[in-house]
Protein backbone atom coordinates (compact mmCIF):
# COMPACT_ATOMS: atom_id res chain seq x y z
CA MET A 1 193.09 -36.11 62.54
CA TYR A 2 196.79 -36.41 63.23
CA GLU A 3 199.51 -34.14 64.49
CA TYR A 4 203.30 -34.20 64.65
CA VAL A 5 205.06 -34.19 68.00
CA ILE A 6 208.62 -32.90 67.62
CA GLU A 7 211.35 -32.59 70.19
CA GLY A 8 213.78 -29.96 69.01
CA GLY A 9 217.53 -29.76 69.30
CA HIS A 10 218.45 -32.87 67.34
CA PRO A 11 220.41 -32.28 64.10
CA ILE A 12 219.58 -34.46 61.11
CA ASN A 13 222.33 -36.62 59.66
CA GLY A 14 222.29 -39.25 56.94
CA THR A 15 221.35 -39.99 53.34
CA ILE A 16 218.05 -39.92 51.46
CA THR A 17 216.96 -40.19 47.83
CA ALA A 18 214.98 -37.32 46.33
CA SER A 19 211.30 -37.99 45.72
CA GLY A 20 209.68 -37.46 42.35
CA ASN A 21 208.61 -33.93 41.53
CA LYS A 22 205.05 -33.44 42.82
CA ASN A 23 204.41 -30.56 40.45
CA ALA A 24 205.48 -32.70 37.48
CA ALA A 25 203.55 -35.77 38.58
CA LEU A 26 200.18 -33.99 38.65
CA PRO A 27 200.12 -32.74 35.02
CA CYS A 28 201.79 -35.94 33.77
CA LEU A 29 199.00 -37.97 35.36
CA ALA A 30 196.45 -35.70 33.69
CA ALA A 31 198.28 -36.00 30.35
CA THR A 32 197.57 -39.75 30.25
CA LEU A 33 194.03 -38.75 29.20
CA LEU A 34 195.41 -37.70 25.81
CA THR A 35 195.79 -41.27 24.55
CA ALA A 36 193.70 -44.43 24.58
CA GLU A 37 196.88 -46.48 24.85
CA PRO A 38 198.55 -47.43 28.16
CA VAL A 39 201.05 -45.05 29.75
CA ILE A 40 203.58 -46.07 32.39
CA LEU A 41 204.86 -43.39 34.76
CA HIS A 42 207.78 -43.91 37.12
CA ASN A 43 208.99 -41.93 40.15
CA ILE A 44 205.50 -40.72 41.07
CA PRO A 45 205.76 -39.53 44.70
CA ASP A 46 203.60 -41.39 47.20
CA ILE A 47 201.84 -38.33 48.62
CA GLU A 48 198.30 -37.13 49.24
CA ASP A 49 198.05 -34.98 46.10
CA THR A 50 199.02 -37.76 43.69
CA GLY A 51 196.60 -40.09 45.48
CA VAL A 52 193.76 -37.64 44.86
CA MET A 53 194.73 -37.21 41.19
CA LEU A 54 194.69 -40.99 40.70
CA LYS A 55 191.23 -41.17 42.30
CA ILE A 56 190.01 -38.46 39.92
CA LEU A 57 191.35 -40.46 36.97
CA GLU A 58 189.52 -43.55 38.24
CA ALA A 59 186.30 -41.54 38.49
CA LEU A 60 186.75 -40.46 34.87
CA GLY A 61 187.07 -44.08 33.77
CA SER A 62 190.82 -44.72 33.83
CA LYS A 63 192.14 -48.25 34.24
CA ILE A 64 194.91 -47.93 36.81
CA GLU A 65 197.47 -50.54 37.82
CA LYS A 66 200.07 -49.98 40.53
CA LEU A 67 203.35 -51.53 39.38
CA ASP A 68 205.32 -50.62 42.50
CA LYS A 69 205.31 -47.90 45.14
CA HIS A 70 206.24 -45.18 42.64
CA SER A 71 205.18 -46.61 39.27
CA TRP A 72 201.73 -46.68 37.70
CA LYS A 73 200.23 -47.99 34.48
CA ILE A 74 197.26 -45.93 33.30
CA GLN A 75 195.00 -46.51 30.32
CA ASN A 76 192.20 -44.23 29.17
CA ASP A 77 190.57 -46.19 26.36
CA ASP A 78 187.09 -45.48 27.73
CA ILE A 79 186.58 -42.04 29.28
CA LYS A 80 183.19 -42.38 30.94
CA THR A 81 182.67 -38.75 31.93
CA SER A 82 184.26 -35.34 31.49
CA GLU A 83 182.99 -34.10 34.84
CA LEU A 84 185.47 -34.11 37.72
CA PRO A 85 184.13 -35.33 41.09
CA LYS A 86 183.38 -32.33 43.27
CA GLU A 87 184.88 -33.45 46.58
CA LEU A 88 188.14 -34.65 45.05
CA THR A 89 188.54 -31.50 42.95
CA LYS A 90 188.30 -29.38 46.09
CA LYS A 91 191.19 -31.26 47.69
CA VAL A 92 193.97 -30.43 45.26
CA ARG A 93 194.87 -27.31 43.31
CA GLY A 94 196.43 -29.45 40.59
CA SER A 95 193.02 -30.73 39.49
CA ILE A 96 192.80 -27.68 37.22
CA VAL A 97 195.24 -29.39 34.82
CA PHE A 98 192.55 -31.87 33.80
CA ALA A 99 190.85 -29.08 31.83
CA GLY A 100 193.31 -29.03 28.93
CA PRO A 101 193.55 -32.77 28.22
CA LEU A 102 189.82 -33.42 28.72
CA LEU A 103 188.96 -30.54 26.39
CA ALA A 104 191.40 -31.87 23.78
CA ARG A 105 190.28 -35.49 24.06
CA THR A 106 186.51 -35.17 24.63
CA GLY A 107 185.68 -31.58 23.71
CA LYS A 108 184.44 -30.71 27.19
CA CYS A 109 185.26 -30.53 30.88
CA GLU A 110 183.10 -29.75 33.89
CA MET A 111 184.64 -29.05 37.29
CA MET A 112 184.30 -27.12 40.51
CA PRO A 113 186.94 -24.46 41.25
CA PRO A 114 190.03 -26.35 42.45
CA GLY A 115 191.08 -26.44 46.10
CA GLY A 116 194.57 -26.76 47.59
CA ASP A 117 196.66 -24.35 49.61
CA VAL A 118 195.13 -21.19 51.02
CA ILE A 119 197.95 -18.74 50.31
CA GLY A 120 196.03 -15.87 48.80
CA ARG A 121 194.19 -15.30 45.56
CA ARG A 122 195.18 -17.90 42.96
CA ARG A 123 194.00 -16.70 39.57
CA VAL A 124 192.58 -19.01 36.93
CA ASP A 125 192.07 -16.18 34.44
CA THR A 126 195.20 -17.15 32.52
CA HIS A 127 193.86 -20.67 31.97
CA PHE A 128 190.62 -19.26 30.58
CA LEU A 129 192.34 -16.77 28.26
CA ALA A 130 194.70 -19.40 26.83
CA LEU A 131 192.00 -22.03 26.25
CA GLN A 132 189.60 -19.47 24.79
CA GLN A 133 192.22 -18.46 22.22
CA LEU A 134 192.43 -22.12 21.18
CA GLY A 135 188.67 -22.10 20.56
CA ALA A 136 187.12 -23.13 23.87
CA ASN A 137 183.86 -21.77 25.22
CA ILE A 138 184.07 -21.26 28.97
CA SER A 139 181.51 -20.54 31.68
CA ALA A 140 182.43 -19.83 35.29
CA GLN A 141 179.02 -19.49 36.95
CA GLY A 142 179.48 -21.38 40.21
CA HIS A 143 181.52 -24.06 38.48
CA PHE A 144 183.83 -24.19 35.47
CA SER A 145 182.47 -25.47 32.16
CA PHE A 146 184.77 -25.86 29.14
CA SER A 147 183.59 -26.92 25.69
CA ALA A 148 184.85 -26.83 22.10
CA ASN A 149 183.72 -28.34 18.82
CA LYS A 150 187.25 -27.94 17.49
CA LEU A 151 190.51 -26.55 18.84
CA VAL A 152 192.58 -24.43 16.47
CA GLY A 153 196.21 -23.37 16.94
CA ALA A 154 196.74 -19.81 18.07
CA ASP A 155 199.41 -17.24 18.89
CA ILE A 156 199.00 -16.96 22.67
CA PHE A 157 200.70 -14.44 24.95
CA LEU A 158 199.99 -15.43 28.56
CA ASP A 159 199.17 -12.50 30.85
CA GLU A 160 201.35 -14.11 33.52
CA ALA A 161 203.91 -16.93 33.42
CA SER A 162 201.52 -19.34 35.12
CA VAL A 163 202.81 -22.88 35.50
CA THR A 164 199.48 -24.69 35.39
CA ALA A 165 198.05 -22.41 32.69
CA THR A 166 201.09 -23.18 30.53
CA GLU A 167 200.54 -26.91 31.13
CA ASN A 168 196.83 -26.68 30.28
CA ALA A 169 197.53 -24.68 27.11
CA VAL A 170 200.23 -27.13 25.94
CA MET A 171 198.06 -30.19 26.60
CA ALA A 172 195.07 -28.68 24.80
CA ALA A 173 197.23 -27.52 21.89
CA VAL A 174 198.67 -30.95 21.07
CA PHE A 175 195.39 -31.81 19.30
CA ALA A 176 194.65 -28.29 18.01
CA GLU A 177 194.59 -27.88 14.25
CA GLY A 178 197.71 -26.10 13.04
CA THR A 179 200.44 -24.42 15.05
CA THR A 180 200.22 -22.93 18.54
CA LEU A 181 202.79 -20.44 19.83
CA ILE A 182 202.79 -19.79 23.57
CA GLN A 183 204.79 -16.74 24.66
CA ASN A 184 205.53 -15.75 28.27
CA ALA A 185 205.22 -19.45 29.04
CA ALA A 186 206.43 -20.77 32.38
CA SER A 187 209.51 -22.97 32.05
CA GLU A 188 209.94 -24.73 35.40
CA PRO A 189 211.41 -28.27 35.47
CA HIS A 190 207.94 -29.75 35.98
CA ILE A 191 206.68 -28.09 32.79
CA GLN A 192 209.71 -29.46 30.99
CA ASP A 193 208.87 -32.94 32.31
CA THR A 194 205.28 -32.60 31.10
CA CYS A 195 206.38 -31.51 27.63
CA LYS A 196 209.01 -34.26 27.37
CA MET A 197 206.41 -36.85 28.32
CA LEU A 198 204.06 -35.52 25.63
CA VAL A 199 206.89 -35.69 23.08
CA ALA A 200 207.46 -39.32 24.10
CA MET A 201 203.76 -39.85 23.34
CA GLY A 202 204.15 -38.38 19.85
CA ALA A 203 203.46 -34.68 20.39
CA LYS A 204 205.45 -32.13 18.38
CA ILE A 205 206.72 -29.53 20.85
CA SER A 206 209.74 -27.24 20.55
CA GLY A 207 211.16 -24.59 22.85
CA ILE A 208 210.99 -26.83 25.93
CA GLY A 209 212.72 -25.08 28.82
CA SER A 210 212.24 -21.61 27.35
CA ASN A 211 209.44 -19.07 27.68
CA ILE A 212 208.40 -19.54 24.05
CA ILE A 213 206.83 -22.93 23.30
CA THR A 214 205.66 -24.05 19.87
CA ILE A 215 203.23 -26.94 19.41
CA GLU A 216 202.37 -28.51 16.05
CA GLY A 217 198.99 -30.17 16.36
CA VAL A 218 198.75 -33.94 15.78
CA LYS A 219 195.81 -36.29 15.31
CA LYS A 220 196.61 -38.74 18.10
CA LEU A 221 199.14 -39.69 20.75
CA HIS A 222 200.39 -43.14 21.67
CA SER A 223 201.66 -45.04 24.69
CA CYS A 224 204.92 -44.18 26.43
CA GLU A 225 206.99 -44.97 29.49
CA TYR A 226 208.32 -41.92 31.31
CA THR A 227 210.23 -41.20 34.51
CA ILE A 228 209.42 -38.03 36.49
CA GLY A 229 212.40 -35.95 37.62
CA PRO A 230 213.37 -35.20 41.23
CA ASP A 231 211.53 -32.67 43.37
CA TYR A 232 213.89 -29.71 43.71
CA ILE A 233 211.51 -28.07 46.20
CA GLU A 234 211.80 -31.09 48.50
CA ILE A 235 215.57 -31.05 47.99
CA GLY A 236 215.73 -27.37 48.92
CA SER A 237 213.61 -28.06 52.01
CA TYR A 238 216.00 -30.75 53.25
CA ILE A 239 219.00 -28.51 52.51
CA GLY A 240 217.46 -25.82 54.70
CA MET A 241 216.58 -28.31 57.42
CA ALA A 242 220.11 -29.73 57.58
CA ALA A 243 221.67 -26.27 57.81
CA ALA A 244 219.17 -24.91 60.35
CA THR A 245 219.59 -27.89 62.68
CA ARG A 246 223.40 -27.81 62.26
CA GLY A 247 223.27 -31.27 60.74
CA SER A 248 224.46 -32.84 57.50
CA ILE A 249 222.70 -34.66 54.69
CA THR A 250 223.43 -36.33 51.37
CA ILE A 251 220.59 -36.31 48.84
CA LYS A 252 220.76 -38.78 45.96
CA GLY A 253 219.03 -38.55 42.60
CA ILE A 254 219.26 -34.80 42.04
CA ARG A 255 219.55 -32.94 38.75
CA PRO A 256 222.54 -30.60 39.23
CA ALA A 257 221.23 -27.99 36.77
CA GLU A 258 218.05 -27.59 38.82
CA MET A 259 220.09 -26.62 41.88
CA ARG A 260 221.58 -23.53 40.24
CA PRO A 261 218.59 -21.21 40.89
CA LEU A 262 218.79 -22.16 44.58
CA THR A 263 222.54 -21.62 44.98
CA ASN A 264 222.73 -17.82 45.06
CA SER A 265 219.92 -17.39 47.58
CA PHE A 266 221.24 -20.02 49.99
CA ASN A 267 224.72 -18.51 49.66
CA LYS A 268 223.30 -15.16 50.77
CA ILE A 269 222.65 -16.68 54.20
CA GLY A 270 225.93 -18.60 54.39
CA ILE A 271 224.75 -22.05 53.23
CA ASN A 272 226.42 -24.08 50.51
CA TRP A 273 226.74 -27.66 49.32
CA GLN A 274 228.85 -29.94 47.18
CA ILE A 275 227.60 -31.88 44.16
CA SER A 276 229.15 -35.08 42.82
CA GLY A 277 227.28 -36.65 39.92
CA ASP A 278 223.65 -36.86 41.02
CA GLU A 279 224.43 -36.53 44.74
CA LEU A 280 224.30 -33.34 46.79
CA THR A 281 225.90 -33.06 50.23
CA VAL A 282 225.30 -30.38 52.87
CA SER A 283 227.97 -30.54 55.55
CA SER A 284 227.49 -29.53 59.17
CA MET A 285 230.27 -26.93 58.77
CA GLN A 286 228.28 -24.01 57.41
CA ASN A 287 229.10 -20.31 57.71
CA MET A 288 225.49 -19.47 58.69
CA LYS A 289 226.12 -15.73 58.38
CA VAL A 290 224.29 -13.31 56.11
CA ASN A 291 226.52 -12.05 53.31
CA ALA A 292 225.73 -8.35 52.99
CA ASP A 293 225.30 -6.75 49.58
CA LEU A 294 227.76 -4.11 48.37
CA GLY A 295 227.85 -1.13 50.68
CA ASN A 296 226.92 -3.38 53.63
CA MET A 297 223.31 -3.33 52.49
CA ILE A 298 220.75 -5.90 53.67
CA PRO A 299 220.47 -8.64 51.03
CA LYS A 300 217.17 -9.69 49.55
CA ILE A 301 215.89 -13.18 48.81
CA ASP A 302 213.03 -12.87 46.36
CA ASP A 303 211.16 -15.32 44.18
CA MET A 304 210.56 -15.05 40.46
CA PRO A 305 209.64 -17.28 37.52
CA TRP A 306 212.12 -20.01 36.59
CA PRO A 307 215.07 -19.89 36.43
CA GLY A 308 214.67 -17.51 39.36
CA PHE A 309 214.40 -18.59 42.98
CA PRO A 310 211.20 -20.67 43.38
CA ALA A 311 208.28 -19.22 45.32
CA ASP A 312 207.66 -22.55 47.05
CA LEU A 313 210.93 -22.18 48.96
CA THR A 314 210.36 -18.70 50.41
CA SER A 315 208.66 -20.13 53.52
CA ILE A 316 211.61 -22.47 54.02
CA MET A 317 214.12 -19.65 53.60
CA THR A 318 212.23 -17.52 56.12
CA VAL A 319 212.57 -20.05 58.93
CA VAL A 320 216.15 -21.00 58.02
CA SER A 321 217.09 -17.31 58.15
CA THR A 322 216.01 -17.19 61.81
CA GLN A 323 219.00 -19.44 62.56
CA VAL A 324 221.52 -17.34 60.64
CA GLU A 325 223.60 -14.45 61.99
CA GLY A 326 222.53 -11.18 60.39
CA THR A 327 219.52 -9.60 58.71
CA VAL A 328 217.87 -10.51 55.41
CA LEU A 329 214.75 -9.38 53.55
CA ILE A 330 212.43 -12.12 52.28
CA PHE A 331 210.29 -10.84 49.39
CA GLU A 332 207.51 -13.25 48.33
CA LYS A 333 205.94 -11.64 45.29
CA MET A 334 203.34 -14.13 44.16
CA PHE A 335 200.91 -14.93 46.98
CA GLU A 336 199.58 -12.29 49.35
CA SER A 337 198.84 -14.68 52.24
CA ARG A 338 201.84 -16.98 52.15
CA MET A 339 203.92 -14.95 54.63
CA PHE A 340 201.24 -14.74 57.30
CA PHE A 341 202.53 -17.93 58.92
CA VAL A 342 205.46 -15.92 60.34
CA ASP A 343 203.21 -14.88 63.24
CA LYS A 344 203.66 -18.41 64.60
CA LEU A 345 207.43 -18.18 64.20
CA ILE A 346 207.35 -14.93 66.16
CA THR A 347 205.49 -16.67 69.01
CA MET A 348 208.33 -19.20 69.01
CA GLY A 349 210.86 -16.40 69.53
CA ALA A 350 211.85 -15.50 65.98
CA LYS A 351 212.90 -11.91 65.31
CA ILE A 352 210.80 -11.16 62.24
CA THR A 353 209.14 -7.94 61.11
CA LEU A 354 206.33 -8.51 58.65
CA CYS A 355 206.44 -5.33 56.57
CA ASP A 356 203.39 -6.15 54.44
CA PRO A 357 201.76 -9.29 53.00
CA HIS A 358 204.76 -9.89 50.75
CA ARG A 359 207.87 -8.83 52.70
CA ALA A 360 209.44 -9.89 55.95
CA VAL A 361 212.71 -8.77 57.56
CA VAL A 362 214.38 -11.60 59.46
CA SER A 363 217.19 -11.07 61.99
CA GLY A 364 219.05 -13.90 63.62
CA PRO A 365 220.09 -16.09 65.09
CA SER A 366 217.01 -16.56 67.28
CA MET A 367 216.57 -19.09 70.06
CA LEU A 368 213.22 -20.71 69.30
CA HIS A 369 211.06 -22.54 71.82
CA GLY A 370 208.43 -25.24 71.38
CA GLU A 371 204.91 -24.20 70.46
CA ILE A 372 201.57 -25.56 69.25
CA LEU A 373 201.29 -24.81 65.54
CA VAL A 374 198.78 -25.32 62.74
CA SER A 375 199.97 -25.88 59.17
CA PRO A 376 198.17 -23.53 56.73
CA ASP A 377 199.73 -24.96 53.56
CA ILE A 378 202.33 -27.43 52.33
CA ARG A 379 205.39 -25.19 52.39
CA ALA A 380 204.59 -23.22 55.54
CA GLY A 381 203.91 -26.57 57.20
CA MET A 382 207.37 -27.83 56.27
CA ALA A 383 208.84 -24.54 57.50
CA MET A 384 207.08 -25.13 60.84
CA VAL A 385 208.61 -28.62 61.00
CA ILE A 386 212.07 -27.09 60.54
CA ALA A 387 211.34 -24.46 63.19
CA ALA A 388 210.19 -27.13 65.64
CA MET A 389 213.35 -29.15 64.99
CA CYS A 390 215.48 -26.10 65.83
CA ALA A 391 213.46 -25.15 68.91
CA HIS A 392 214.10 -25.95 72.55
CA GLY A 393 211.43 -28.22 73.94
CA GLU A 394 208.45 -29.92 72.36
CA SER A 395 206.26 -28.63 69.54
CA ARG A 396 203.01 -29.97 68.14
CA ILE A 397 201.99 -29.32 64.55
CA ARG A 398 198.38 -29.83 63.56
CA ASN A 399 196.65 -30.11 60.17
CA VAL A 400 199.55 -32.24 58.95
CA TYR A 401 197.44 -33.44 56.01
CA GLN A 402 198.52 -30.22 54.32
CA ILE A 403 202.21 -31.09 54.74
CA GLU A 404 201.75 -34.67 53.57
CA ARG A 405 200.14 -33.43 50.36
CA GLY A 406 203.65 -32.54 49.21
CA TYR A 407 206.26 -34.48 51.22
CA GLU A 408 206.49 -38.25 50.96
CA ASP A 409 206.79 -40.28 54.21
CA LEU A 410 208.06 -37.19 56.01
CA VAL A 411 207.96 -38.70 59.50
CA GLY A 412 209.67 -41.93 58.46
CA ARG A 413 212.39 -40.17 56.51
CA LEU A 414 213.08 -37.68 59.29
CA GLN A 415 213.25 -40.47 61.86
CA SER A 416 215.81 -42.23 59.64
CA LEU A 417 217.87 -39.02 59.75
CA GLY A 418 217.79 -38.86 63.56
CA ALA A 419 214.94 -36.38 64.07
CA HIS A 420 212.79 -36.83 67.18
CA ILE A 421 209.39 -36.73 65.49
CA LYS A 422 206.29 -38.89 65.72
CA LYS A 423 202.80 -38.80 64.25
CA VAL A 424 199.98 -39.22 66.75
CA GLU A 425 196.23 -38.84 66.98
CA ALA A 426 195.41 -35.17 67.55
CA GLU A 427 194.25 -34.32 71.05
């Protein structure tokens, strides 16, 4: 077991290139199961979650070749089993996206309930409802069992705009007989990447980027070469880190359009950036003051489905707000346990009132001090890293495996930006 040792008070400064989008890489890796021909994927982030997904593919019979650090060639001409290995499935929430492609390709899928972050109840009901409407039989007695003699296109209205349920439904529907209409579909950039990859493989999908997706079933898919887009959650995390530490950063390889849903919320706490081409720069000269709503009311930063502010950045915004002058309400609507990590921020000196499992009032700026912390999930873990970098003194963060599931070479990249951080054996 490892932990991070961080000495606070050192602003980050420098340039990095955005990693590939973790949440796009996972379904795109699963989508390779939909063809017997080789698929080449580029810009796959070198993180724990993608490593687990590749191991699951190998266990299913995939032939995998590493072309370089971020590129992989995968061929599934001989799927040996439709049962996901239990221990690997428990390590990553994204393993659920194997259900759709395995069902479409082999007519069955067996798996344990997926693992991942512990941030409250994470429903799989929407996956079941969507796949059942396409013709799947599903059992959830201790483990998940999916089967279908034939998938048939359907008019599906998702009961929530679930990202992974949308991905599973799309991947299953590419081989379904006839036309599938998915309404109330999620439309995040990673879903768009998944759909664009499938189109490159020969799928017929329209409405990409909207909440209504239409899929015309085809008989087979073919090989393709596809490049995953940048991880806007990682980009938002580094933006927050630069501002909170009073540093500056340039991030290369961004997609400017994907920054728009982040702009308004960061502006509410006095943080902005400049974009030139595919480069984003956060300067050290930030206002760092809460901009009150009309009538001098406390502003609210709340998450919502794309193109709203992403839920995965609410933890980051909470800790950044502790370093901003003024008061702001953070409203995390999706996961009832995600905000519980603020107790640790309070022990560090943050002025936060946790109103209920979903809302926290943050007043700043707060002088934080070093503390021993334990990362409960990827995003809260990154928020703790930012807090430790702002704090006076030394902090230790344990359970860093959770952080490294989503952030590539975090220690090395932060060291290159001037952070005083090291990874050591846990005491």
